[in-house]
Amino acid sequence: MSLEQRFNEAAEKVKELTKRPSDEELLELYALFKQATVGDNNTSKPGLLDLKGKYKWEAWDKKKGLSKDAAMEAYITKVEELVGKYA
């Protein structure tokens, strides 16, 4: 199975979690997903009143420089960890 197929499978698996992961875990998943699908964050930082957007932007921005393949591998690993913890 190709890396992209495994990544897409992991993206589907994460939707089946029976319990909600912590905010930190969700931010990590978001950042890895964005890095794997879009690449480096090149959007402008959200305003001060958009706290959720700011946290998501910062989490993604920390992944800058991580290759698409490395981000996919890290995402798959994180999903497997969460499935073991919350499924």
PDB file of N, CA and C in Angstrom:
ATOM      1  N   MET A   1       0.848  -1.179   0.000  1.00  0.00           N
ATOM      2  CA  MET A   1       0.000   0.000   0.000  1.00  0.00           C
ATOM      3  C   MET A   1       0.896   1.245   0.000  1.00  0.00           C
ATOM      4  N   SER A   2       0.573   2.209  -0.841  1.00  0.00           N
ATOM      5  CA  SER A   2       1.395   3.419  -0.930  1.00  0.00           C
ATOM      6  C   SER A   2       1.210   4.302   0.303  1.00  0.00           C
ATOM      7  N   LEU A   3       2.155   5.206   0.485  1.00  0.00           N
ATOM      8  CA  LEU A   3       2.100   6.139   1.618  1.00  0.00           C
ATOM      9  C   LEU A   3       0.819   6.969   1.563  1.00  0.00           C
ATOM     10  N   GLU A   4       0.465   7.424   0.365  1.00  0.00           N
ATOM     11  CA  GLU A   4      -0.735   8.243   0.219  1.00  0.00           C
ATOM     12  C   GLU A   4      -2.004   7.448   0.577  1.00  0.00           C
ATOM     13  N   GLN A   5      -2.049   6.187   0.202  1.00  0.00           N
ATOM     14  CA  GLN A   5      -3.204   5.342   0.547  1.00  0.00           C
ATOM     15  C   GLN A   5      -3.285   5.147   2.059  1.00  0.00           C
ATOM     16  N   ARG A   6      -2.130   4.903   2.688  1.00  0.00           N
ATOM     17  CA  ARG A   6      -2.103   4.741   4.149  1.00  0.00           C
ATOM     18  C   ARG A   6      -2.528   6.032   4.839  1.00  0.00           C
ATOM     19  N   PHE A   7      -2.099   7.169   4.295  1.00  0.00           N
ATOM     20  CA  PHE A   7      -2.465   8.471   4.846  1.00  0.00           C
ATOM     21  C   PHE A   7      -3.976   8.684   4.761  1.00  0.00           C
ATOM     22  N   ASN A   8      -4.559   8.396   3.600  1.00  0.00           N
ATOM     23  CA  ASN A   8      -6.009   8.563   3.419  1.00  0.00           C
ATOM     24  C   ASN A   8      -6.786   7.621   4.324  1.00  0.00           C
ATOM     25  N   GLU A   9      -6.266   6.412   4.511  1.00  0.00           N
ATOM     26  CA  GLU A   9      -6.909   5.439   5.408  1.00  0.00           C
ATOM     27  C   GLU A   9      -6.873   5.958   6.850  1.00  0.00           C
ATOM     28  N   ALA A  10      -5.741   6.529   7.250  1.00  0.00           N
ATOM     29  CA  ALA A  10      -5.613   7.085   8.602  1.00  0.00           C
ATOM     30  C   ALA A  10      -6.570   8.259   8.788  1.00  0.00           C
ATOM     31  N   ALA A  11      -6.736   9.083   7.746  1.00  0.00           N
ATOM     32  CA  ALA A  11      -7.654  10.224   7.822  1.00  0.00           C
ATOM     33  C   ALA A  11      -9.092   9.750   8.021  1.00  0.00           C
ATOM     34  N   GLU A  12      -9.426   8.606   7.466  1.00  0.00           N
ATOM     35  CA  GLU A  12     -10.765   8.042   7.669  1.00  0.00           C
ATOM     36  C   GLU A  12     -10.887   7.412   9.055  1.00  0.00           C
ATOM     37  N   LYS A  13      -9.841   6.730   9.497  1.00  0.00           N
ATOM     38  CA  LYS A  13      -9.851   6.064  10.808  1.00  0.00           C
ATOM     39  C   LYS A  13     -10.071   7.062  11.936  1.00  0.00           C
ATOM     40  N   VAL A  14      -9.474   8.244  11.817  1.00  0.00           N
ATOM     41  CA  VAL A  14      -9.549   9.219  12.905  1.00  0.00           C
ATOM     42  C   VAL A  14     -10.989   9.685  13.118  1.00  0.00           C
ATOM     43  N   LYS A  15     -11.812   9.593  12.107  1.00  0.00           N
ATOM     44  CA  LYS A  15     -13.225   9.988  12.221  1.00  0.00           C
ATOM     45  C   LYS A  15     -14.031   8.988  13.047  1.00  0.00           C
ATOM     46  N   GLU A  16     -13.466   7.795  13.268  1.00  0.00           N
ATOM     47  CA  GLU A  16     -14.182   6.740  13.975  1.00  0.00           C
ATOM     48  C   GLU A  16     -13.858   6.671  15.466  1.00  0.00           C
ATOM     49  N   LEU A  17     -13.081   7.619  15.965  1.00  0.00           N
ATOM     50  CA  LEU A  17     -12.742   7.612  17.388  1.00  0.00           C
ATOM     51  C   LEU A  17     -14.010   7.794  18.211  1.00  0.00           C
ATOM     52  N   THR A  18     -14.133   7.016  19.282  1.00  0.00           N
ATOM     53  CA  THR A  18     -15.343   7.085  20.105  1.00  0.00           C
ATOM     54  C   THR A  18     -15.245   8.157  21.188  1.00  0.00           C
ATOM     55  N   LYS A  19     -14.014   8.566  21.541  1.00  0.00           N
ATOM     56  CA  LYS A  19     -13.825   9.634  22.523  1.00  0.00           C
ATOM     57  C   LYS A  19     -13.042  10.756  21.864  1.00  0.00           C
ATOM     58  N   ARG A  20     -13.244  11.970  22.348  1.00  0.00           N
ATOM     59  CA  ARG A  20     -12.568  13.142  21.787  1.00  0.00           C
ATOM     60  C   ARG A  20     -11.148  13.246  22.345  1.00  0.00           C
ATOM     61  N   PRO A  21     -10.152  13.318  21.449  1.00  0.00           N
ATOM     62  CA  PRO A  21      -8.772  13.526  21.914  1.00  0.00           C
ATOM     63  C   PRO A  21      -8.615  14.900  22.549  1.00  0.00           C
ATOM     64  N   SER A  22      -7.509  15.103  23.249  1.00  0.00           N
ATOM     65  CA  SER A  22      -7.246  16.402  23.888  1.00  0.00           C
ATOM     66  C   SER A  22      -7.033  17.476  22.815  1.00  0.00           C
ATOM     67  N   ASP A  23      -7.137  18.720  23.227  1.00  0.00           N
ATOM     68  CA  ASP A  23      -6.927  19.833  22.296  1.00  0.00           C
ATOM     69  C   ASP A  23      -5.525  19.784  21.690  1.00  0.00           C
ATOM     70  N   GLU A  24      -4.524  19.425  22.499  1.00  0.00           N
ATOM     71  CA  GLU A  24      -3.146  19.350  22.009  1.00  0.00           C
ATOM     72  C   GLU A  24      -3.022  18.269  20.937  1.00  0.00           C
ATOM     73  N   GLU A  25      -3.661  17.135  21.165  1.00  0.00           N
ATOM     74  CA  GLU A  25      -3.619  16.042  20.183  1.00  0.00           C
ATOM     75  C   GLU A  25      -4.327  16.446  18.887  1.00  0.00           C
ATOM     76  N   LEU A  26      -5.449  17.132  19.023  1.00  0.00           N
ATOM     77  CA  LEU A  26      -6.178  17.585  17.837  1.00  0.00           C
ATOM     78  C   LEU A  26      -5.372  18.626  17.052  1.00  0.00           C
ATOM     79  N   LEU A  27      -4.691  19.521  17.750  1.00  0.00           N
ATOM     80  CA  LEU A  27      -3.852  20.511  17.080  1.00  0.00           C
ATOM     81  C   LEU A  27      -2.704  19.841  16.338  1.00  0.00           C
ATOM     82  N   GLU A  28      -2.105  18.832  16.954  1.00  0.00           N
ATOM     83  CA  GLU A  28      -1.015  18.090  16.316  1.00  0.00           C
ATOM     84  C   GLU A  28      -1.516  17.399  15.045  1.00  0.00           C
ATOM     85  N   LEU A  29      -2.681  16.756  15.138  1.00  0.00           N
ATOM     86  CA  LEU A  29      -3.270  16.109  13.957  1.00  0.00           C
ATOM     87  C   LEU A  29      -3.537  17.122  12.855  1.00  0.00           C
ATOM     88  N   TYR A  30      -4.117  18.248  13.231  1.00  0.00           N
ATOM     89  CA  TYR A  30      -4.433  19.305  12.262  1.00  0.00           C
ATOM     90  C   TYR A  30      -3.158  19.777  11.557  1.00  0.00           C
ATOM     91  N   ALA A  31      -2.136  20.070  12.351  1.00  0.00           N
ATOM     92  CA  ALA A  31      -0.888  20.600  11.793  1.00  0.00           C
ATOM     93  C   ALA A  31      -0.233  19.597  10.845  1.00  0.00           C
ATOM     94  N   LEU A  32      -0.196  18.338  11.241  1.00  0.00           N
ATOM     95  CA  LEU A  32       0.402  17.312  10.378  1.00  0.00           C
ATOM     96  C   LEU A  32      -0.407  17.128   9.099  1.00  0.00           C
ATOM     97  N   PHE A  33      -1.739  17.154   9.219  1.00  0.00           N
ATOM     98  CA  PHE A  33      -2.595  16.999   8.038  1.00  0.00           C
ATOM     99  C   PHE A  33      -2.367  18.153   7.060  1.00  0.00           C
ATOM    100  N   LYS A  34      -2.345  19.379   7.575  1.00  0.00           N
ATOM    101  CA  LYS A  34      -2.139  20.547   6.717  1.00  0.00           C
ATOM    102  C   LYS A  34      -0.759  20.515   6.068  1.00  0.00           C
ATOM    103  N   GLN A  35       0.255  20.124   6.828  1.00  0.00           N
ATOM    104  CA  GLN A  35       1.607  20.074   6.287  1.00  0.00           C
ATOM    105  C   GLN A  35       1.700  19.007   5.190  1.00  0.00           C
ATOM    106  N   ALA A  36       1.012  17.886   5.391  1.00  0.00           N
ATOM    107  CA  ALA A  36       1.048  16.790   4.417  1.00  0.00           C
ATOM    108  C   ALA A  36       0.259  17.127   3.153  1.00  0.00           C
ATOM    109  N   THR A  37      -0.812  17.892   3.293  1.00  0.00           N
ATOM    110  CA  THR A  37      -1.669  18.159   2.132  1.00  0.00           C
ATOM    111  C   THR A  37      -1.381  19.496   1.450  1.00  0.00           C
ATOM    112  N   VAL A  38      -0.957  20.506   2.220  1.00  0.00           N
ATOM    113  CA  VAL A  38      -0.749  21.843   1.666  1.00  0.00           C
ATOM    114  C   VAL A  38       0.737  22.199   1.594  1.00  0.00           C
ATOM    115  N   GLY A  39       1.504  21.752   2.594  1.00  0.00           N
ATOM    116  CA  GLY A  39       2.912  22.133   2.686  1.00  0.00           C
ATOM    117  C   GLY A  39       3.087  23.216   3.739  1.00  0.00           C
ATOM    118  N   ASP A  40       4.184  23.960   3.625  1.00  0.00           N
ATOM    119  CA  ASP A  40       4.474  25.000   4.616  1.00  0.00           C
ATOM    120  C   ASP A  40       3.361  26.040   4.682  1.00  0.00           C
ATOM    121  N   ASN A  41       3.120  26.509   5.895  1.00  0.00           N
ATOM    122  CA  ASN A  41       2.106  27.533   6.141  1.00  0.00           C
ATOM    123  C   ASN A  41       2.566  28.849   5.508  1.00  0.00           C
ATOM    124  N   ASN A  42       1.771  29.359   4.567  1.00  0.00           N
ATOM    125  CA  ASN A  42       2.097  30.644   3.949  1.00  0.00           C
ATOM    126  C   ASN A  42       0.919  31.605   4.052  1.00  0.00           C
ATOM    127  N   THR A  43       0.046  31.359   5.027  1.00  0.00           N
ATOM    128  CA  THR A  43      -1.112  32.222   5.246  1.00  0.00           C
ATOM    129  C   THR A  43      -0.763  33.257   6.317  1.00  0.00           C
ATOM    130  N   SER A  44      -1.518  34.332   6.366  1.00  0.00           N
ATOM    131  CA  SER A  44      -1.259  35.341   7.395  1.00  0.00           C
ATOM    132  C   SER A  44      -1.872  34.891   8.716  1.00  0.00           C
ATOM    133  N   LYS A  45      -1.238  35.297   9.792  1.00  0.00           N
ATOM    134  CA  LYS A  45      -1.679  34.908  11.138  1.00  0.00           C
ATOM    135  C   LYS A  45      -3.028  35.554  11.444  1.00  0.00           C
ATOM    136  N   PRO A  46      -3.963  34.758  11.998  1.00  0.00           N
ATOM    137  CA  PRO A  46      -5.285  35.305  12.363  1.00  0.00           C
ATOM    138  C   PRO A  46      -5.173  36.401  13.426  1.00  0.00           C
ATOM    139  N   GLY A  47      -6.212  37.214  13.517  1.00  0.00           N
ATOM    140  CA  GLY A  47      -6.245  38.301  14.483  1.00  0.00           C
ATOM    141  C   GLY A  47      -6.308  37.811  15.925  1.00  0.00           C
ATOM    142  N   LEU A  48      -6.106  38.722  16.851  1.00  0.00           N
ATOM    143  CA  LEU A  48      -6.070  38.400  18.280  1.00  0.00           C
ATOM    144  C   LEU A  48      -7.379  37.806  18.798  1.00  0.00           C
ATOM    145  N   LEU A  49      -8.493  38.181  18.215  1.00  0.00           N
ATOM    146  CA  LEU A  49      -9.780  37.703  18.712  1.00  0.00           C
ATOM    147  C   LEU A  49     -10.117  36.295  18.219  1.00  0.00           C
ATOM    148  N   ASP A  50      -9.410  35.822  17.211  1.00  0.00           N
ATOM    149  CA  ASP A  50      -9.648  34.473  16.669  1.00  0.00           C
ATOM    150  C   ASP A  50      -8.679  33.498  17.340  1.00  0.00           C
ATOM    151  N   LEU A  51      -8.979  33.140  18.590  1.00  0.00           N
ATOM    152  CA  LEU A  51      -8.064  32.279  19.359  1.00  0.00           C
ATOM    153  C   LEU A  51      -7.908  30.900  18.735  1.00  0.00           C
ATOM    154  N   LYS A  52      -9.016  30.292  18.331  1.00  0.00           N
ATOM    155  CA  LYS A  52      -8.951  28.954  17.729  1.00  0.00           C
ATOM    156  C   LYS A  52      -8.092  28.990  16.459  1.00  0.00           C
ATOM    157  N   GLY A  53      -8.344  29.975  15.615  1.00  0.00           N
ATOM    158  CA  GLY A  53      -7.574  30.121  14.384  1.00  0.00           C
ATOM    159  C   GLY A  53      -6.095  30.361  14.663  1.00  0.00           C
ATOM    160  N   LYS A  54      -5.817  31.135  15.690  1.00  0.00           N
ATOM    161  CA  LYS A  54      -4.435  31.446  16.067  1.00  0.00           C
ATOM    162  C   LYS A  54      -3.698  30.180  16.502  1.00  0.00           C
ATOM    163  N   TYR A  55      -4.331  29.367  17.348  1.00  0.00           N
ATOM    164  CA  TYR A  55      -3.700  28.132  17.817  1.00  0.00           C
ATOM    165  C   TYR A  55      -3.452  27.159  16.661  1.00  0.00           C
ATOM    166  N   LYS A  56      -4.420  27.062  15.769  1.00  0.00           N
ATOM    167  CA  LYS A  56      -4.272  26.178  14.611  1.00  0.00           C
ATOM    168  C   LYS A  56      -3.151  26.680  13.705  1.00  0.00           C
ATOM    169  N   TRP A  57      -3.106  27.994  13.471  1.00  0.00           N
ATOM    170  CA  TRP A  57      -2.078  28.580  12.626  1.00  0.00           C
ATOM    171  C   TRP A  57      -0.689  28.317  13.216  1.00  0.00           C
ATOM    172  N   GLU A  58      -0.561  28.540  14.532  1.00  0.00           N
ATOM    173  CA  GLU A  58       0.737  28.348  15.197  1.00  0.00           C
ATOM    174  C   GLU A  58       1.177  26.884  15.159  1.00  0.00           C
ATOM    175  N   ALA A  59       0.239  25.966  15.367  1.00  0.00           N
ATOM    176  CA  ALA A  59       0.576  24.542  15.335  1.00  0.00           C
ATOM    177  C   ALA A  59       1.088  24.146  13.950  1.00  0.00           C
ATOM    178  N   TRP A  60       0.408  24.635  12.921  1.00  0.00           N
ATOM    179  CA  TRP A  60       0.819  24.325  11.549  1.00  0.00           C
ATOM    180  C   TRP A  60       2.160  24.992  11.232  1.00  0.00           C
ATOM    181  N   ASP A  61       2.333  26.234  11.671  1.00  0.00           N
ATOM    182  CA  ASP A  61       3.560  26.969  11.383  1.00  0.00           C
ATOM    183  C   ASP A  61       4.791  26.288  11.988  1.00  0.00           C
ATOM    184  N   LYS A  62       4.614  25.590  13.103  1.00  0.00           N
ATOM    185  CA  LYS A  62       5.728  24.873  13.745  1.00  0.00           C
ATOM    186  C   LYS A  62       6.227  23.704  12.891  1.00  0.00           C
ATOM    187  N   LYS A  63       5.417  23.267  11.946  1.00  0.00           N
ATOM    188  CA  LYS A  63       5.787  22.136  11.083  1.00  0.00           C
ATOM    189  C   LYS A  63       6.547  22.596   9.833  1.00  0.00           C
ATOM    190  N   LYS A  64       6.793  23.885   9.712  1.00  0.00           N
ATOM    191  CA  LYS A  64       7.469  24.441   8.537  1.00  0.00           C
ATOM    192  C   LYS A  64       8.775  23.689   8.272  1.00  0.00           C
ATOM    193  N   GLY A  65       8.981  23.307   7.009  1.00  0.00           N
ATOM    194  CA  GLY A  65      10.204  22.606   6.631  1.00  0.00           C
ATOM    195  C   GLY A  65      10.068  21.095   6.628  1.00  0.00           C
ATOM    196  N   LEU A  66       9.016  20.577   7.263  1.00  0.00           N
ATOM    197  CA  LEU A  66       8.779  19.138   7.290  1.00  0.00           C
ATOM    198  C   LEU A  66       8.280  18.712   5.916  1.00  0.00           C
ATOM    199  N   SER A  67       8.891  17.683   5.353  1.00  0.00           N
ATOM    200  CA  SER A  67       8.487  17.250   4.014  1.00  0.00           C
ATOM    201  C   SER A  67       7.093  16.642   4.029  1.00  0.00           C
ATOM    202  N   LYS A  68       6.475  16.595   2.860  1.00  0.00           N
ATOM    203  CA  LYS A  68       5.133  16.032   2.727  1.00  0.00           C
ATOM    204  C   LYS A  68       5.116  14.577   3.205  1.00  0.00           C
ATOM    205  N   ASP A  69       6.103  13.788   2.765  1.00  0.00           N
ATOM    206  CA  ASP A  69       6.162  12.375   3.152  1.00  0.00           C
ATOM    207  C   ASP A  69       6.369  12.204   4.651  1.00  0.00           C
ATOM    208  N   ALA A  70       7.261  12.997   5.232  1.00  0.00           N
ATOM    209  CA  ALA A  70       7.515  12.916   6.673  1.00  0.00           C
ATOM    210  C   ALA A  70       6.262  13.298   7.460  1.00  0.00           C
ATOM    211  N   ALA A  71       5.542  14.312   6.969  1.00  0.00           N
ATOM    212  CA  ALA A  71       4.304  14.732   7.635  1.00  0.00           C
ATOM    213  C   ALA A  71       3.253  13.633   7.545  1.00  0.00           C
ATOM    214  N   MET A  72       3.165  12.967   6.393  1.00  0.00           N
ATOM    215  CA  MET A  72       2.213  11.853   6.244  1.00  0.00           C
ATOM    216  C   MET A  72       2.547  10.722   7.202  1.00  0.00           C
ATOM    217  N   GLU A  73       3.827  10.366   7.286  1.00  0.00           N
ATOM    218  CA  GLU A  73       4.259   9.293   8.201  1.00  0.00           C
ATOM    219  C   GLU A  73       3.926   9.656   9.645  1.00  0.00           C
ATOM    220  N   ALA A  74       4.222  10.893  10.038  1.00  0.00           N
ATOM    221  CA  ALA A  74       3.945  11.341  11.407  1.00  0.00           C
ATOM    222  C   ALA A  74       2.442  11.344  11.681  1.00  0.00           C
ATOM    223  N   TYR A  75       1.649  11.740  10.707  1.00  0.00           N
ATOM    224  CA  TYR A  75       0.188  11.748  10.851  1.00  0.00           C
ATOM    225  C   TYR A  75      -0.329  10.326  11.059  1.00  0.00           C
ATOM    226  N   ILE A  76       0.142   9.394  10.237  1.00  0.00           N
ATOM    227  CA  ILE A  76      -0.280   7.983  10.349  1.00  0.00           C
ATOM    228  C   ILE A  76       0.072   7.439  11.725  1.00  0.00           C
ATOM    229  N   THR A  77       1.285   7.735  12.189  1.00  0.00           N
ATOM    230  CA  THR A  77       1.727   7.282  13.512  1.00  0.00           C
ATOM    231  C   THR A  77       0.845   7.861  14.612  1.00  0.00           C
ATOM    232  N   LYS A  78       0.532   9.156  14.501  1.00  0.00           N
ATOM    233  CA  LYS A  78      -0.299   9.825  15.512  1.00  0.00           C
ATOM    234  C   LYS A  78      -1.710   9.239  15.523  1.00  0.00           C
ATOM    235  N   VAL A  79      -2.267   8.964  14.349  1.00  0.00           N
ATOM    236  CA  VAL A  79      -3.612   8.372  14.284  1.00  0.00           C
ATOM    237  C   VAL A  79      -3.614   6.997  14.931  1.00  0.00           C
ATOM    238  N   GLU A  80      -2.599   6.190  14.649  1.00  0.00           N
ATOM    239  CA  GLU A  80      -2.516   4.855  15.255  1.00  0.00           C
ATOM    240  C   GLU A  80      -2.467   4.961  16.781  1.00  0.00           C
ATOM    241  N   GLU A  81      -1.706   5.925  17.272  1.00  0.00           N
ATOM    242  CA  GLU A  81      -1.607   6.161  18.722  1.00  0.00           C
ATOM    243  C   GLU A  81      -2.981   6.533  19.296  1.00  0.00           C
ATOM    244  N   LEU A  82      -3.689   7.431  18.615  1.00  0.00           N
ATOM    245  CA  LEU A  82      -5.000   7.874  19.099  1.00  0.00           C
ATOM    246  C   LEU A  82      -6.045   6.776  19.008  1.00  0.00           C
ATOM    247  N   VAL A  83      -5.975   5.954  17.959  1.00  0.00           N
ATOM    248  CA  VAL A  83      -6.918   4.839  17.820  1.00  0.00           C
ATOM    249  C   VAL A  83      -6.720   3.882  18.999  1.00  0.00           C
ATOM    250  N   GLY A  84      -5.480   3.605  19.348  1.00  0.00           N
ATOM    251  CA  GLY A  84      -5.203   2.738  20.505  1.00  0.00           C
ATOM    252  C   GLY A  84      -5.691   3.335  21.813  1.00  0.00           C
ATOM    253  N   LYS A  85      -5.684   4.644  21.900  1.00  0.00           N
ATOM    254  CA  LYS A  85      -6.048   5.350  23.127  1.00  0.00           C
ATOM    255  C   LYS A  85      -7.542   5.638  23.235  1.00  0.00           C
ATOM    256  N   TYR A  86      -8.210   5.966  22.113  1.00  0.00           N
ATOM    257  CA  TYR A  86      -9.580   6.463  22.159  1.00  0.00           C
ATOM    258  C   TYR A  86     -10.612   5.634  21.413  1.00  0.00           C
ATOM    259  N   ALA A  87     -10.216   4.563  20.764  1.00  0.00           N
ATOM    260  CA  ALA A  87     -11.183   3.796  19.975  1.00  0.00           C
ATOM    261  C   ALA A  87     -11.976   2.827  20.839  1.00  0.00           C
TER     262      ALA A  87
END
